[in-house]
Each structure stands twice: as C-alpha cells, then as structure tokens.
Amino acid sequence: HDWYFGDPENDDVADLTKLGGVQQMMTPPKELVRAHLPRGTKGVIGALTEQLTGLLCIAEDQPRIENGLTVDWDQRDVYGLPQLVINHSYSPRDRRANGALVVRAKQVLSRTGAMFFHSHHVKTFSHVVGTVRMGTDPATSPLDGRCNVRGVDNLFVADGSALPMSAGVNPSLTIAANALRVAAGIVGGG
C-alpha cells in the first residue's frame, strides 16, 4: 500500500490524498490461461504461464449520489419479485486514481524484469459498501452513528452497507469490527 495516501511524485494525481492499493494476485492455473489464449499462441504463451504474475489495483471509489440500488417495478427476478438494479459509474477522480495505480504497478513489475504487460478492467463489485450509510447528517445517512435506522427503534444495520465509503482495501475486517461495535452498543443499551 505504498500509494494508499497518494503519490506526490506523480503530477497527474498529486492533488489526490488517497489512491488505493496494489496487491499481488495468484496466476490462474496454466490450463485456464491456455483456454483463454488466441489460437496459435497457446503453445508459446501457455508454456510461460508459470512465469506470470498479476497485480490488482484497487482505487478508492468516492461516494456518488448516482451510485446505488434502485428497484425496477416492471421487471421481475426468478422469484417473481421486482428486479433490483445496480447503478454504478466511476467518477473522473476514481479513474485518475486507478490509472495512477496501474502506472505504478507496471513500474514495480518492470523492476522485477517483466517485459510485457496486459491490463484489463475487472467488471465486478467485490467490495460494495455504503448503500445504507451511517453518519451524522440525516439528509445523507439513513443510519445514525450507532447504525440505528433513524426513526425506527431497535433496527440496526451492521453489514458493509453501513460504511460510508470503500477505503480501497478489502472491507471485511472493518465490517466485522463495526458489527462487534454495534452489537456491544445494543447489549450495553448504548
């Protein structure tokens, strides 16, 4: 996480106080890699699979009012319920942060002797948080600081949706710590 708190050496993102993180990813099994290679490259590139490594760049996404869940009342899911729709787009700031992390990841790989790079966008939402945010302002956060739903006694939300934003890292430990904090408050009456 050398660039979590920004990258003052990169003029393109020197104004950003947080970028995110770069972490190593395990290379998939060579059979899987070969299965996705273009015809004619499987032998040569497939043989090099054991020399491959990957770095995952996770930029810190800023909260955006446009991002969230909505209900499509006209569409139904497999259970006949109204379809939930995920609305998500990256801000220009988020794209800049991710781009800076990709540049740094390539520099790290170059220093280890890498000669070729392949970058692609992972189109998943592995760390979705903030759909029912906690905070001090009732206008922007349905939960108070104790994760109690405003105006509803004894209804608490203690999963990742209570977190105001992603920190550009896996939020599992933060979610667990917050759930323990909320539970202690419920048990203690505070």
Protein backbone atom coordinates (compact mmCIF):
# COMPACT_ATOMS: atom_id res chain seq x y z
CA HIS A 1 0.00 0.00 0.00
CA ASP A 2 2.83 2.37 -0.83
CA TRP A 3 0.45 4.73 -2.64
CA TYR A 4 -2.61 4.46 -0.42
CA PHE A 5 -2.13 8.00 0.86
CA GLY A 6 -1.40 9.39 -2.59
CA ASP A 7 1.53 9.73 -4.94
CA PRO A 8 3.13 13.18 -4.67
CA GLU A 9 5.73 12.19 -7.30
CA ASN A 10 3.02 11.84 -9.95
CA ASP A 11 1.89 15.31 -11.08
CA ASP A 12 -1.30 13.85 -12.61
CA VAL A 13 -2.62 12.82 -9.18
CA ALA A 14 -0.57 14.92 -6.75
CA ASP A 15 -3.80 16.60 -5.61
CA LEU A 16 -5.37 13.27 -4.52
CA THR A 17 -4.82 12.43 -0.87
CA LYS A 18 -5.83 8.77 -1.28
CA LEU A 19 -5.37 6.46 -4.22
CA GLY A 20 -5.97 2.90 -3.04
CA GLY A 21 -3.81 -0.20 -3.07
CA VAL A 22 -1.88 -2.59 -5.30
CA GLN A 23 -1.84 -6.24 -4.33
CA GLN A 24 -0.41 -9.37 -5.91
CA MET A 25 -2.82 -11.84 -7.42
CA MET A 26 -2.17 -15.50 -7.96
CA THR A 27 -1.78 -16.53 -11.59
CA PRO A 28 -4.60 -18.83 -12.68
CA PRO A 29 -3.72 -22.46 -13.48
CA LYS A 30 -1.96 -22.82 -16.84
CA GLU A 31 -4.87 -24.86 -18.26
CA LEU A 32 -7.23 -21.95 -17.62
CA VAL A 33 -4.80 -19.44 -19.13
CA ARG A 34 -4.35 -21.60 -22.24
CA ALA A 35 -8.12 -21.93 -22.65
CA HIS A 36 -8.43 -18.13 -22.97
CA LEU A 37 -5.48 -17.55 -25.31
CA PRO A 38 -5.98 -16.79 -29.01
CA ARG A 39 -5.44 -19.65 -31.44
CA GLY A 40 -1.78 -20.09 -32.35
CA THR A 41 -0.42 -18.66 -29.10
CA LYS A 42 -1.37 -21.46 -26.71
CA GLY A 43 1.91 -23.35 -27.04
CA VAL A 44 4.34 -20.48 -26.65
CA ILE A 45 2.45 -18.32 -24.16
CA GLY A 46 0.98 -21.30 -22.34
CA ALA A 47 4.49 -22.54 -21.60
CA LEU A 48 5.31 -19.20 -19.98
CA THR A 49 2.30 -19.28 -17.65
CA GLU A 50 4.39 -20.30 -14.67
CA GLN A 51 6.42 -17.10 -15.15
CA LEU A 52 3.35 -14.87 -14.95
CA THR A 53 2.14 -12.84 -12.00
CA GLY A 54 -0.60 -10.33 -11.58
CA LEU A 55 -1.11 -7.15 -9.65
CA LEU A 56 -4.57 -5.92 -8.77
CA CYS A 57 -5.08 -2.16 -8.49
CA ILE A 58 -7.95 -1.19 -6.20
CA ALA A 59 -8.62 2.54 -6.23
CA GLU A 60 -10.67 4.16 -3.52
CA ASP A 61 -14.07 4.99 -5.01
CA GLN A 62 -15.58 8.22 -3.80
CA PRO A 63 -19.26 8.21 -2.78
CA ARG A 64 -21.57 9.35 -5.58
CA ILE A 65 -25.27 10.00 -5.27
CA GLU A 66 -25.75 8.43 -8.72
CA ASN A 67 -24.42 5.08 -7.48
CA GLY A 68 -26.70 2.74 -5.59
CA LEU A 69 -29.58 0.30 -5.86
CA THR A 70 -32.93 1.03 -7.42
CA VAL A 71 -36.00 -1.12 -7.97
CA ASP A 72 -37.34 -1.79 -11.46
CA TRP A 73 -41.01 -2.42 -10.72
CA ASP A 74 -41.69 -3.53 -14.31
CA GLN A 75 -39.06 -6.32 -14.37
CA ARG A 76 -39.26 -9.43 -12.19
CA ASP A 77 -36.48 -11.70 -10.94
CA VAL A 78 -36.61 -15.52 -10.92
CA TYR A 79 -38.72 -15.40 -7.73
CA GLY A 80 -41.28 -13.01 -9.20
CA LEU A 81 -40.05 -10.08 -7.12
CA PRO A 82 -39.31 -6.62 -8.53
CA GLN A 83 -35.83 -6.56 -10.06
CA LEU A 84 -33.03 -4.81 -8.17
CA VAL A 85 -30.78 -2.73 -10.42
CA ILE A 86 -27.19 -1.81 -9.55
CA ASN A 87 -26.34 1.70 -10.74
CA HIS A 88 -22.62 2.38 -10.74
CA SER A 89 -20.18 4.54 -12.62
CA TYR A 90 -16.71 5.77 -11.78
CA SER A 91 -16.03 9.45 -11.34
CA PRO A 92 -13.18 11.12 -13.26
CA ARG A 93 -11.32 11.24 -9.92
CA ASP A 94 -11.76 7.47 -9.45
CA ARG A 95 -10.44 6.81 -12.97
CA ARG A 96 -7.41 9.04 -12.37
CA ALA A 97 -6.59 7.22 -9.13
CA ASN A 98 -6.88 3.82 -10.79
CA GLY A 99 -4.78 4.93 -13.75
CA ALA A 100 -2.03 6.15 -11.42
CA LEU A 101 -2.03 2.81 -9.59
CA VAL A 102 -1.77 0.91 -12.90
CA VAL A 103 1.26 3.03 -13.87
CA ARG A 104 2.91 2.25 -10.53
CA ALA A 105 2.08 -1.46 -10.79
CA LYS A 106 3.76 -1.62 -14.21
CA GLN A 107 6.82 0.14 -12.77
CA VAL A 108 7.02 -2.44 -9.98
CA LEU A 109 6.75 -5.29 -12.47
CA SER A 110 9.38 -3.68 -14.74
CA ARG A 111 11.84 -3.56 -11.86
CA THR A 112 11.41 -7.31 -11.40
CA GLY A 113 12.25 -7.99 -15.04
CA ALA A 114 8.80 -8.01 -16.63
CA MET A 115 8.81 -7.16 -20.31
CA PHE A 116 5.14 -7.48 -21.27
CA PHE A 117 2.02 -6.17 -19.60
CA HIS A 118 -1.67 -6.78 -20.02
CA SER A 119 -4.19 -4.56 -18.27
CA HIS A 120 -7.91 -5.12 -18.10
CA HIS A 121 -10.78 -3.76 -16.06
CA VAL A 122 -12.33 -6.24 -13.63
CA LYS A 123 -16.07 -5.77 -14.08
CA THR A 124 -17.26 -6.90 -10.67
CA PHE A 125 -18.28 -5.30 -7.43
CA SER A 126 -16.24 -7.19 -4.88
CA HIS A 127 -16.43 -4.62 -2.11
CA VAL A 128 -19.81 -2.93 -2.37
CA VAL A 129 -20.46 -0.71 0.64
CA GLY A 130 -22.46 2.36 1.53
CA THR A 131 -25.98 1.52 0.35
CA VAL A 132 -27.47 2.44 3.78
CA ARG A 133 -24.81 4.77 5.13
CA MET A 134 -24.23 5.76 8.73
CA GLY A 135 -23.36 9.34 9.52
CA THR A 136 -24.22 12.48 11.42
CA ASP A 137 -26.39 14.17 8.77
CA PRO A 138 -29.92 12.70 8.44
CA ALA A 139 -30.14 14.16 4.92
CA THR A 140 -27.31 11.95 3.66
CA SER A 141 -27.29 9.00 6.06
CA PRO A 142 -30.29 6.85 6.99
CA LEU A 143 -28.30 5.39 9.92
CA ASP A 144 -27.01 7.28 12.93
CA GLY A 145 -23.51 6.70 14.31
CA ARG A 146 -24.73 3.62 16.20
CA CYS A 147 -26.03 2.13 12.91
CA ASN A 148 -29.61 2.51 14.15
CA VAL A 149 -32.12 3.29 11.40
CA ARG A 150 -33.25 6.84 12.07
CA GLY A 151 -36.78 6.94 13.47
CA VAL A 152 -37.03 3.16 14.00
CA ASP A 153 -36.17 1.91 17.48
CA ASN A 154 -34.10 -1.27 17.67
CA LEU A 155 -33.49 -1.66 13.93
CA PHE A 156 -29.76 -1.76 13.28
CA VAL A 157 -27.72 -2.33 10.11
CA ALA A 158 -24.27 -3.73 10.79
CA ASP A 159 -23.04 -5.04 7.44
CA GLY A 160 -20.99 -3.32 4.75
CA SER A 161 -23.87 -1.16 3.64
CA ALA A 162 -23.41 0.96 6.80
CA LEU A 163 -19.88 2.01 5.80
CA PRO A 164 -19.91 5.47 4.19
CA MET A 165 -17.30 4.55 1.57
CA SER A 166 -14.78 1.97 0.50
CA ALA A 167 -11.23 2.57 1.61
CA GLY A 168 -9.69 0.97 -1.46
CA VAL A 169 -8.97 -2.19 0.52
CA ASN A 170 -10.94 -5.31 1.39
CA PRO A 171 -13.50 -4.09 3.96
CA SER A 172 -14.09 -7.47 5.68
CA LEU A 173 -12.23 -6.65 8.90
CA THR A 174 -13.78 -3.19 9.10
CA ILE A 175 -17.25 -4.70 8.64
CA ALA A 176 -16.56 -7.27 11.38
CA ALA A 177 -15.17 -4.62 13.76
CA ASN A 178 -18.17 -2.36 13.16
CA ALA A 179 -20.60 -5.25 13.71
CA LEU A 180 -18.91 -6.02 17.04
CA ARG A 181 -19.12 -2.32 17.98
CA VAL A 182 -22.82 -2.18 17.08
CA ALA A 183 -23.54 -5.43 18.97
CA ALA A 184 -21.75 -4.14 22.07
CA GLY A 185 -23.87 -0.98 21.90
CA ILE A 186 -27.08 -2.99 21.59
CA VAL A 187 -26.17 -5.27 24.50
CA GLY A 188 -24.99 -2.35 26.61
CA GLY A 189 -28.05 -0.29 25.79
CA GLY A 190 -25.97 2.45 24.22
